[in-house]
Amino acid sequence: MTENPVLRLGIIADPQYADLAPNLALDRHFRQSLGKLEEAIAVFNGRELDAVVTLGDLIDRDWESFDPALAVYRRLRHKALFLPGNHDFSVAPEHLGDVHRRLGMPAPYHDLLVAGHRLVILDGSEVSLFAVPKGHPRREQAKARLQALTAAGAINAERWNGGLSEAQFAWLVEVLDQARDDGEPVVILCHYPVAPENAHDLWDAQRLLDTLRDYPNVRAWLCGHNHAGNTVTRDGTHYVTFRGMVDTPDRNAFAIVSLYENRLEIEGFGREDSRVIRAET
């Protein structure tokens, strides 16, 4: 008998669309992302999926970039879930408070039940130097947090990272407690990674890793931001960073994630590797 996955998601990370000439130094080709999105959505439409998740940085910059990028998703036959990355806030200050709404999000961080799994969408840009206007209390908090990380020599002490507020962290623990009590498996979706240790990690990475150890029902943390991609398993949770779609002029990068009771299978397209990640024994 053929085994069926308990959750199947289409994954897109870091399209960074903008009507701009390419950044050849970083090998980022912004205009090509519309065609790459079209290719990914055509593949997803031919599969049975529970949802398609875009893990942040839909655009590279400019509020006007959202319209053509989001227009491609109108052809998607599946539920689309978005969350913002740092580049999605590269807009005029008067638009900063509208980014989550533009992405169709009911709240900056929230949770929902999909195919019996609690999907937890985090806002890793909440405390940052870019997601709120100058003078905002969270921006001042971000300055202090970054200064402390820099003084400690932290590898992720970078201006293009961010962190969670105390309120969001408390909310996360409440959601995880409830999911554990209800016997729900959890998948966390965030733009930023927390493992393995690298320069792109959330400022709160170690605190989050310490917290998640107490929740064996957290099956995976899926993210983007680090365009090179990465995979590691810690304390039974699979931490998967997907390659950036915007990189290279002509090779795409997207994936289909199939979660089974005892493993996570990634079917990669283009530069994204296919692999099977099994639970630790």
C-alpha atoms as a PDB file:
ATOM      1  CA  MET A   1       0.000   0.000   0.000  1.00  0.00           C
ATOM      2  CA  THR A   2       1.322   3.453  -0.917  1.00  0.00           C
ATOM      3  CA  GLU A   3       2.031   5.651   2.095  1.00  0.00           C
ATOM      4  CA  ASN A   4       0.509   9.121   1.935  1.00  0.00           C
ATOM      5  CA  PRO A   5       2.080  12.197   3.513  1.00  0.00           C
ATOM      6  CA  VAL A   6       0.241  13.781   6.418  1.00  0.00           C
ATOM      7  CA  LEU A   7       1.043  17.307   5.153  1.00  0.00           C
ATOM      8  CA  ARG A   8       2.211  18.537   1.757  1.00  0.00           C
ATOM      9  CA  LEU A   9       3.303  22.126   1.108  1.00  0.00           C
ATOM     10  CA  GLY A  10       4.596  23.988  -1.902  1.00  0.00           C
ATOM     11  CA  ILE A  11       7.527  26.192  -0.889  1.00  0.00           C
ATOM     12  CA  ILE A  12       8.871  29.412  -2.426  1.00  0.00           C
ATOM     13  CA  ALA A  13      11.625  31.469  -0.792  1.00  0.00           C
ATOM     14  CA  ASP A  14      13.054  34.876  -1.663  1.00  0.00           C
ATOM     15  CA  PRO A  15      11.757  35.718  -5.153  1.00  0.00           C
ATOM     16  CA  GLN A  16      12.720  39.369  -4.513  1.00  0.00           C
ATOM     17  CA  TYR A  17      10.918  40.634  -7.585  1.00  0.00           C
ATOM     18  CA  ALA A  18      11.578  44.221  -8.693  1.00  0.00           C
ATOM     19  CA  ASP A  19      11.767  45.948 -12.051  1.00  0.00           C
ATOM     20  CA  LEU A  20      15.514  46.428 -11.649  1.00  0.00           C
ATOM     21  CA  ALA A  21      18.711  45.538 -13.458  1.00  0.00           C
ATOM     22  CA  PRO A  22      20.414  42.496 -11.912  1.00  0.00           C
ATOM     23  CA  ASN A  23      22.897  42.722  -9.083  1.00  0.00           C
ATOM     24  CA  LEU A  24      25.657  40.741 -10.754  1.00  0.00           C
ATOM     25  CA  ALA A  25      27.909  40.828  -7.693  1.00  0.00           C
ATOM     26  CA  LEU A  26      25.279  38.884  -5.722  1.00  0.00           C
ATOM     27  CA  ASP A  27      23.945  37.003  -8.791  1.00  0.00           C
ATOM     28  CA  ARG A  28      20.427  38.291  -8.110  1.00  0.00           C
ATOM     29  CA  HIS A  29      18.167  38.731 -11.119  1.00  0.00           C
ATOM     30  CA  PHE A  30      15.072  40.548  -9.953  1.00  0.00           C
ATOM     31  CA  ARG A  31      13.044  40.785 -13.158  1.00  0.00           C
ATOM     32  CA  GLN A  32      13.413  37.064 -13.862  1.00  0.00           C
ATOM     33  CA  SER A  33      11.493  36.201 -10.706  1.00  0.00           C
ATOM     34  CA  LEU A  34       8.085  36.704 -12.323  1.00  0.00           C
ATOM     35  CA  GLY A  35       8.800  33.935 -14.825  1.00  0.00           C
ATOM     36  CA  LYS A  36      10.215  31.745 -12.081  1.00  0.00           C
ATOM     37  CA  LEU A  37       7.076  32.271  -9.982  1.00  0.00           C
ATOM     38  CA  GLU A  38       4.928  31.343 -12.973  1.00  0.00           C
ATOM     39  CA  GLU A  39       6.922  28.128 -13.437  1.00  0.00           C
ATOM     40  CA  ALA A  40       6.614  27.196  -9.757  1.00  0.00           C
ATOM     41  CA  ILE A  41       2.862  27.838  -9.674  1.00  0.00           C
ATOM     42  CA  ALA A  42       2.336  25.767 -12.822  1.00  0.00           C
ATOM     43  CA  VAL A  43       4.090  22.841 -11.103  1.00  0.00           C
ATOM     44  CA  PHE A  44       2.116  23.332  -7.876  1.00  0.00           C
ATOM     45  CA  ASN A  45      -1.172  23.418  -9.787  1.00  0.00           C
ATOM     46  CA  GLY A  46      -0.385  19.959 -11.137  1.00  0.00           C
ATOM     47  CA  ARG A  47       0.022  18.499  -7.639  1.00  0.00           C
ATOM     48  CA  GLU A  48      -2.229  17.820  -4.681  1.00  0.00           C
ATOM     49  CA  LEU A  49      -1.047  20.219  -1.968  1.00  0.00           C
ATOM     50  CA  ASP A  50      -2.469  21.469   1.319  1.00  0.00           C
ATOM     51  CA  ALA A  51      -1.075  24.989   0.814  1.00  0.00           C
ATOM     52  CA  VAL A  52       1.685  26.971  -0.889  1.00  0.00           C
ATOM     53  CA  VAL A  53       3.921  29.001   1.411  1.00  0.00           C
ATOM     54  CA  THR A  54       6.067  31.947   0.345  1.00  0.00           C
ATOM     55  CA  LEU A  55       8.697  32.326   3.053  1.00  0.00           C
ATOM     56  CA  GLY A  56       9.334  36.048   2.714  1.00  0.00           C
ATOM     57  CA  ASP A  57      11.050  38.546   0.422  1.00  0.00           C
ATOM     58  CA  LEU A  58       8.382  38.362  -2.261  1.00  0.00           C
ATOM     59  CA  ILE A  59       9.811  41.687  -3.473  1.00  0.00           C
ATOM     60  CA  ASP A  60      13.258  43.211  -3.350  1.00  0.00           C
ATOM     61  CA  ARG A  61      12.064  46.797  -2.868  1.00  0.00           C
ATOM     62  CA  ASP A  62       9.410  49.393  -3.766  1.00  0.00           C
ATOM     63  CA  TRP A  63       5.697  49.193  -2.923  1.00  0.00           C
ATOM     64  CA  GLU A  64       4.805  49.040  -6.619  1.00  0.00           C
ATOM     65  CA  SER A  65       6.621  45.689  -6.920  1.00  0.00           C
ATOM     66  CA  PHE A  66       3.883  43.902  -4.962  1.00  0.00           C
ATOM     67  CA  ASP A  67       1.257  44.236  -7.716  1.00  0.00           C
ATOM     68  CA  PRO A  68       2.961  42.213 -10.494  1.00  0.00           C
ATOM     69  CA  ALA A  69       4.362  39.652  -8.048  1.00  0.00           C
ATOM     70  CA  LEU A  70       1.020  38.983  -6.348  1.00  0.00           C
ATOM     71  CA  ALA A  71      -0.767  38.922  -9.700  1.00  0.00           C
ATOM     72  CA  VAL A  72       1.057  35.689 -10.586  1.00  0.00           C
ATOM     73  CA  TYR A  73      -0.518  33.971  -7.571  1.00  0.00           C
ATOM     74  CA  ARG A  74      -4.040  34.529  -8.940  1.00  0.00           C
ATOM     75  CA  ARG A  75      -3.426  31.479 -11.108  1.00  0.00           C
ATOM     76  CA  LEU A  76      -2.663  29.292  -8.079  1.00  0.00           C
ATOM     77  CA  ARG A  77      -5.433  26.773  -7.314  1.00  0.00           C
ATOM     78  CA  HIS A  78      -4.195  26.109  -3.773  1.00  0.00           C
ATOM     79  CA  LYS A  79      -4.353  28.117  -0.562  1.00  0.00           C
ATOM     80  CA  ALA A  80      -1.529  30.708  -0.567  1.00  0.00           C
ATOM     81  CA  LEU A  81       0.210  31.671   2.681  1.00  0.00           C
ATOM     82  CA  PHE A  82       2.603  34.623   2.840  1.00  0.00           C
ATOM     83  CA  LEU A  83       4.881  36.041   5.468  1.00  0.00           C
ATOM     84  CA  PRO A  84       7.219  39.037   5.102  1.00  0.00           C
ATOM     85  CA  GLY A  85      11.000  39.089   4.945  1.00  0.00           C
ATOM     86  CA  ASN A  86      13.361  41.997   5.414  1.00  0.00           C
ATOM     87  CA  HIS A  87      13.189  43.075   1.748  1.00  0.00           C
ATOM     88  CA  ASP A  88       9.387  43.306   1.849  1.00  0.00           C
ATOM     89  CA  PHE A  89       9.864  46.319   4.134  1.00  0.00           C
ATOM     90  CA  SER A  90      12.106  48.123   1.625  1.00  0.00           C
ATOM     91  CA  VAL A  91       9.248  50.492   0.867  1.00  0.00           C
ATOM     92  CA  ALA A  92       8.471  54.136   1.620  1.00  0.00           C
ATOM     93  CA  PRO A  93       7.941  54.788   5.352  1.00  0.00           C
ATOM     94  CA  GLU A  94       4.218  55.485   4.885  1.00  0.00           C
ATOM     95  CA  HIS A  95       3.737  51.914   3.618  1.00  0.00           C
ATOM     96  CA  LEU A  96       5.596  50.063   6.390  1.00  0.00           C
ATOM     97  CA  GLY A  97       2.439  49.502   8.424  1.00  0.00           C
ATOM     98  CA  ASP A  98       0.609  48.044   5.410  1.00  0.00           C
ATOM     99  CA  VAL A  99       3.021  45.271   4.372  1.00  0.00           C
ATOM    100  CA  HIS A 100       1.281  42.455   6.263  1.00  0.00           C
ATOM    101  CA  ARG A 101      -2.128  43.542   4.928  1.00  0.00           C
ATOM    102  CA  ARG A 102      -0.758  43.714   1.377  1.00  0.00           C
ATOM    103  CA  LEU A 103       0.344  40.088   1.742  1.00  0.00           C
ATOM    104  CA  GLY A 104      -3.155  39.110   2.831  1.00  0.00           C
ATOM    105  CA  MET A 105      -2.117  38.227   6.358  1.00  0.00           C
ATOM    106  CA  PRO A 106      -4.768  38.398   9.123  1.00  0.00           C
ATOM    107  CA  ALA A 107      -2.089  39.486  11.612  1.00  0.00           C
ATOM    108  CA  PRO A 108       1.716  39.925  11.636  1.00  0.00           C
ATOM    109  CA  TYR A 109       2.006  36.600  13.480  1.00  0.00           C
ATOM    110  CA  HIS A 110      -0.740  34.007  13.703  1.00  0.00           C
ATOM    111  CA  ASP A 111      -1.503  30.297  13.538  1.00  0.00           C
ATOM    112  CA  LEU A 112      -3.891  28.094  11.609  1.00  0.00           C
ATOM    113  CA  LEU A 113      -4.776  24.429  11.309  1.00  0.00           C
ATOM    114  CA  VAL A 114      -3.972  22.821   7.944  1.00  0.00           C
ATOM    115  CA  ALA A 115      -4.424  19.081   7.372  1.00  0.00           C
ATOM    116  CA  GLY A 116      -4.372  18.460  11.121  1.00  0.00           C
ATOM    117  CA  HIS A 117      -1.113  20.399  11.595  1.00  0.00           C
ATOM    118  CA  ARG A 118      -0.745  23.627  13.530  1.00  0.00           C
ATOM    119  CA  LEU A 119       1.069  26.032  11.209  1.00  0.00           C
ATOM    120  CA  VAL A 120       2.685  28.829  13.212  1.00  0.00           C
ATOM    121  CA  ILE A 121       3.627  31.928  11.212  1.00  0.00           C
ATOM    122  CA  LEU A 122       6.167  34.101  12.989  1.00  0.00           C
ATOM    123  CA  ASP A 123       7.087  37.733  12.383  1.00  0.00           C
ATOM    124  CA  GLY A 124      10.878  37.672  12.612  1.00  0.00           C
ATOM    125  CA  SER A 125      11.080  41.307  11.506  1.00  0.00           C
ATOM    126  CA  GLU A 126       8.974  42.602  14.395  1.00  0.00           C
ATOM    127  CA  VAL A 127      11.977  43.963  16.301  1.00  0.00           C
ATOM    128  CA  SER A 128      14.243  45.265  13.543  1.00  0.00           C
ATOM    129  CA  LEU A 129      15.851  48.330  12.028  1.00  0.00           C
ATOM    130  CA  PHE A 130      13.640  48.270   8.922  1.00  0.00           C
ATOM    131  CA  ALA A 131      10.051  47.133   9.640  1.00  0.00           C
ATOM    132  CA  VAL A 132       8.944  50.234  11.559  1.00  0.00           C
ATOM    133  CA  PRO A 133       9.645  53.957  11.007  1.00  0.00           C
ATOM    134  CA  LYS A 134      12.511  55.812  12.644  1.00  0.00           C
ATOM    135  CA  GLY A 135      11.743  56.770  16.226  1.00  0.00           C
ATOM    136  CA  HIS A 136       9.402  53.812  16.782  1.00  0.00           C
ATOM    137  CA  PRO A 137      10.050  52.088  20.150  1.00  0.00           C
ATOM    138  CA  ARG A 138      10.688  48.721  18.462  1.00  0.00           C
ATOM    139  CA  ARG A 139      13.384  50.273  16.301  1.00  0.00           C
ATOM    140  CA  GLU A 140      15.090  51.637  19.414  1.00  0.00           C
ATOM    141  CA  GLN A 141      14.794  48.191  20.985  1.00  0.00           C
ATOM    142  CA  ALA A 142      16.367  46.708  17.858  1.00  0.00           C
ATOM    143  CA  LYS A 143      19.306  49.105  18.059  1.00  0.00           C
ATOM    144  CA  ALA A 144      19.989  48.036  21.640  1.00  0.00           C
ATOM    145  CA  ARG A 145      19.652  44.344  20.784  1.00  0.00           C
ATOM    146  CA  LEU A 146      22.004  44.627  17.815  1.00  0.00           C
ATOM    147  CA  GLN A 147      24.559  46.542  19.858  1.00  0.00           C
ATOM    148  CA  ALA A 148      24.533  43.807  22.497  1.00  0.00           C
ATOM    149  CA  LEU A 149      24.974  41.075  19.893  1.00  0.00           C
ATOM    150  CA  THR A 150      27.801  42.992  18.230  1.00  0.00           C
ATOM    151  CA  ALA A 151      29.554  43.488  21.553  1.00  0.00           C
ATOM    152  CA  ALA A 152      29.258  39.751  22.205  1.00  0.00           C
ATOM    153  CA  GLY A 153      30.768  38.928  18.795  1.00  0.00           C
ATOM    154  CA  ALA A 154      27.611  37.130  17.650  1.00  0.00           C
ATOM    155  CA  ILE A 155      27.760  35.767  14.120  1.00  0.00           C
ATOM    156  CA  ASN A 156      24.198  36.968  13.432  1.00  0.00           C
ATOM    157  CA  ALA A 157      24.783  40.568  14.560  1.00  0.00           C
ATOM    158  CA  GLU A 158      23.589  41.931  11.213  1.00  0.00           C
ATOM    159  CA  ARG A 159      21.314  44.859  10.394  1.00  0.00           C
ATOM    160  CA  TRP A 160      19.292  42.736   7.970  1.00  0.00           C
ATOM    161  CA  ASN A 161      18.207  40.301  10.700  1.00  0.00           C
ATOM    162  CA  GLY A 162      15.553  40.832  13.330  1.00  0.00           C
ATOM    163  CA  GLY A 163      13.819  39.309  16.301  1.00  0.00           C
ATOM    164  CA  LEU A 164      10.600  38.710  18.192  1.00  0.00           C
ATOM    165  CA  SER A 165       9.024  40.984  20.780  1.00  0.00           C
ATOM    166  CA  GLU A 166       8.382  39.645  24.261  1.00  0.00           C
ATOM    167  CA  ALA A 167       4.665  39.660  23.443  1.00  0.00           C
ATOM    168  CA  GLN A 168       5.172  37.508  20.334  1.00  0.00           C
ATOM    169  CA  PHE A 169       7.426  35.131  22.241  1.00  0.00           C
ATOM    170  CA  ALA A 170       4.812  34.728  24.984  1.00  0.00           C
ATOM    171  CA  TRP A 171       2.149  34.129  22.314  1.00  0.00           C
ATOM    172  CA  LEU A 172       4.330  31.471  20.664  1.00  0.00           C
ATOM    173  CA  VAL A 173       4.718  29.574  23.937  1.00  0.00           C
ATOM    174  CA  GLU A 174       0.943  29.686  24.479  1.00  0.00           C
ATOM    175  CA  VAL A 175       0.306  28.303  20.977  1.00  0.00           C
ATOM    176  CA  LEU A 176       2.892  25.553  21.448  1.00  0.00           C
ATOM    177  CA  ASP A 177       1.483  24.622  24.846  1.00  0.00           C
ATOM    178  CA  GLN A 178      -2.024  24.349  23.428  1.00  0.00           C
ATOM    179  CA  ALA A 179      -0.860  22.312  20.419  1.00  0.00           C
ATOM    180  CA  ARG A 180       1.011  19.920  22.695  1.00  0.00           C
ATOM    181  CA  ASP A 181      -2.047  19.532  24.924  1.00  0.00           C
ATOM    182  CA  ASP A 182      -4.243  18.914  21.874  1.00  0.00           C
ATOM    183  CA  GLY A 183      -1.823  16.424  20.316  1.00  0.00           C
ATOM    184  CA  GLU A 184      -1.273  18.573  17.222  1.00  0.00           C
ATOM    185  CA  PRO A 185       1.976  18.383  15.239  1.00  0.00           C
ATOM    186  CA  VAL A 186       3.460  21.837  14.612  1.00  0.00           C
ATOM    187  CA  VAL A 187       5.276  23.359  11.648  1.00  0.00           C
ATOM    188  CA  ILE A 188       6.820  26.797  12.199  1.00  0.00           C
ATOM    189  CA  LEU A 189       7.121  29.161   9.235  1.00  0.00           C
ATOM    190  CA  CYS A 190       9.481  32.132   9.450  1.00  0.00           C
ATOM    191  CA  HIS A 191      11.600  34.134   7.019  1.00  0.00           C
ATOM    192  CA  TYR A 192      14.691  33.732   9.196  1.00  0.00           C
ATOM    193  CA  PRO A 193      16.546  30.567  10.202  1.00  0.00           C
ATOM    194  CA  VAL A 194      17.601  29.646  13.739  1.00  0.00           C
ATOM    195  CA  ALA A 195      19.852  26.641  12.947  1.00  0.00           C
ATOM    196  CA  PRO A 196      22.512  25.737  12.049  1.00  0.00           C
ATOM    197  CA  GLU A 197      24.381  28.759  13.398  1.00  0.00           C
ATOM    198  CA  ASN A 198      25.072  31.283  10.649  1.00  0.00           C
ATOM    199  CA  ALA A 199      25.025  35.009   9.899  1.00  0.00           C
ATOM    200  CA  HIS A 200      21.375  34.944   8.761  1.00  0.00           C
ATOM    201  CA  ASP A 201      19.894  33.621  12.002  1.00  0.00           C
ATOM    202  CA  LEU A 202      17.199  35.421  13.959  1.00  0.00           C
ATOM    203  CA  TRP A 203      18.622  37.478  16.778  1.00  0.00           C
ATOM    204  CA  ASP A 204      16.594  35.220  19.137  1.00  0.00           C
ATOM    205  CA  ALA A 205      17.910  31.975  17.618  1.00  0.00           C
ATOM    206  CA  GLN A 206      19.371  30.395  20.732  1.00  0.00           C
ATOM    207  CA  ARG A 207      16.416  31.341  22.916  1.00  0.00           C
ATOM    208  CA  LEU A 208      14.051  29.772  20.392  1.00  0.00           C
ATOM    209  CA  LEU A 209      16.116  26.592  20.093  1.00  0.00           C
ATOM    210  CA  ASP A 210      16.152  26.277  23.879  1.00  0.00           C
ATOM    211  CA  THR A 211      12.377  26.732  23.987  1.00  0.00           C
ATOM    212  CA  LEU A 212      11.565  24.297  21.184  1.00  0.00           C
ATOM    213  CA  ARG A 213      13.434  21.473  22.962  1.00  0.00           C
ATOM    214  CA  ASP A 214      10.410  21.209  25.240  1.00  0.00           C
ATOM    215  CA  TYR A 215       8.031  20.534  22.333  1.00  0.00           C
ATOM    216  CA  PRO A 216       8.643  17.199  20.608  1.00  0.00           C
ATOM    217  CA  ASN A 217       5.530  17.833  18.506  1.00  0.00           C
ATOM    218  CA  VAL A 218       7.329  20.621  16.580  1.00  0.00           C
ATOM    219  CA  ARG A 219       8.124  18.725  13.395  1.00  0.00           C
ATOM    220  CA  ALA A 220       9.835  21.419  11.340  1.00  0.00           C
ATOM    221  CA  TRP A 221      11.001  25.034  11.076  1.00  0.00           C
ATOM    222  CA  LEU A 222      10.839  26.134   7.412  1.00  0.00           C
ATOM    223  CA  CYS A 223      12.517  29.371   6.330  1.00  0.00           C
ATOM    224  CA  GLY A 224      14.435  31.316   3.699  1.00  0.00           C
ATOM    225  CA  HIS A 225      16.674  34.423   4.019  1.00  0.00           C
ATOM    226  CA  ASN A 226      19.947  32.484   3.621  1.00  0.00           C
ATOM    227  CA  HIS A 227      19.892  32.021  -0.154  1.00  0.00           C
ATOM    228  CA  ALA A 228      22.458  29.211  -0.041  1.00  0.00           C
ATOM    229  CA  GLY A 229      20.031  26.944   1.831  1.00  0.00           C
ATOM    230  CA  ASN A 230      20.694  24.626   4.757  1.00  0.00           C
ATOM    231  CA  THR A 231      19.311  21.626   6.649  1.00  0.00           C
ATOM    232  CA  VAL A 232      19.866  20.355  10.157  1.00  0.00           C
ATOM    233  CA  THR A 233      17.883  18.328  12.720  1.00  0.00           C
ATOM    234  CA  ARG A 234      18.003  19.285  16.393  1.00  0.00           C
ATOM    235  CA  ASP A 235      16.108  17.521  19.171  1.00  0.00           C
ATOM    236  CA  GLY A 236      13.770  15.911  16.650  1.00  0.00           C
ATOM    237  CA  THR A 237      12.865  19.144  14.828  1.00  0.00           C
ATOM    238  CA  HIS A 238      13.934  19.570  11.185  1.00  0.00           C
ATOM    239  CA  TYR A 239      15.288  23.044  10.427  1.00  0.00           C
ATOM    240  CA  VAL A 240      15.181  23.601   6.670  1.00  0.00           C
ATOM    241  CA  THR A 241      16.359  26.742   4.868  1.00  0.00           C
ATOM    242  CA  PHE A 242      15.359  26.919   1.206  1.00  0.00           C
ATOM    243  CA  ARG A 243      17.461  28.383  -1.581  1.00  0.00           C
ATOM    244  CA  GLY A 244      16.614  31.855  -2.881  1.00  0.00           C
ATOM    245  CA  MET A 245      14.574  31.945  -6.093  1.00  0.00           C
ATOM    246  CA  VAL A 246      16.079  35.297  -7.163  1.00  0.00           C
ATOM    247  CA  ASP A 247      19.593  33.900  -7.518  1.00  0.00           C
ATOM    248  CA  THR A 248      20.978  33.144 -11.008  1.00  0.00           C
ATOM    249  CA  PRO A 249      19.465  34.410 -14.276  1.00  0.00           C
ATOM    250  CA  ASP A 250      17.934  31.188 -15.558  1.00  0.00           C
ATOM    251  CA  ARG A 251      17.781  28.472 -12.882  1.00  0.00           C
ATOM    252  CA  ASN A 252      14.766  28.367 -10.619  1.00  0.00           C
ATOM    253  CA  ALA A 253      14.563  27.217  -6.984  1.00  0.00           C
ATOM    254  CA  PHE A 254      11.408  25.987  -5.264  1.00  0.00           C
ATOM    255  CA  ALA A 255      10.230  22.816  -3.537  1.00  0.00           C
ATOM    256  CA  ILE A 256       7.428  20.537  -2.449  1.00  0.00           C
ATOM    257  CA  VAL A 257       7.673  19.397   1.174  1.00  0.00           C
ATOM    258  CA  SER A 258       5.936  16.169   2.155  1.00  0.00           C
ATOM    259  CA  LEU A 259       5.770  15.463   5.865  1.00  0.00           C
ATOM    260  CA  TYR A 260       5.300  11.822   6.905  1.00  0.00           C
ATOM    261  CA  GLU A 261       5.008  10.349  10.379  1.00  0.00           C
ATOM    262  CA  ASN A 262       8.711   9.486  10.483  1.00  0.00           C
ATOM    263  CA  ARG A 263      10.401  11.758   7.945  1.00  0.00           C
ATOM    264  CA  LEU A 264      10.323  14.897   5.852  1.00  0.00           C
ATOM    265  CA  GLU A 265      10.768  14.586   2.092  1.00  0.00           C
ATOM    266  CA  ILE A 266      11.790  17.539  -0.061  1.00  0.00           C
ATOM    267  CA  GLU A 267      11.267  17.385  -3.801  1.00  0.00           C
ATOM    268  CA  GLY A 268      13.513  20.111  -5.125  1.00  0.00           C
ATOM    269  CA  PHE A 269      13.216  21.912  -8.434  1.00  0.00           C
ATOM    270  CA  GLY A 270      16.037  23.744 -10.196  1.00  0.00           C
ATOM    271  CA  ARG A 271      18.771  24.571  -7.709  1.00  0.00           C
ATOM    272  CA  GLU A 272      16.839  23.207  -4.729  1.00  0.00           C
ATOM    273  CA  ASP A 273      18.105  19.761  -3.753  1.00  0.00           C
ATOM    274  CA  SER A 274      15.784  16.813  -3.280  1.00  0.00           C
ATOM    275  CA  ARG A 275      16.404  14.997  -0.004  1.00  0.00           C
ATOM    276  CA  VAL A 276      14.862  12.862   2.717  1.00  0.00           C
ATOM    277  CA  ILE A 277      15.313  13.965   6.331  1.00  0.00           C
ATOM    278  CA  ARG A 278      14.570  11.273   8.860  1.00  0.00           C
ATOM    279  CA  ALA A 279      13.826  11.637  12.533  1.00  0.00           C
ATOM    280  CA  GLU A 280      16.752  11.121  14.867  1.00  0.00           C
ATOM    281  CA  THR A 281      16.991   7.672  16.360  1.00  0.00           C
END
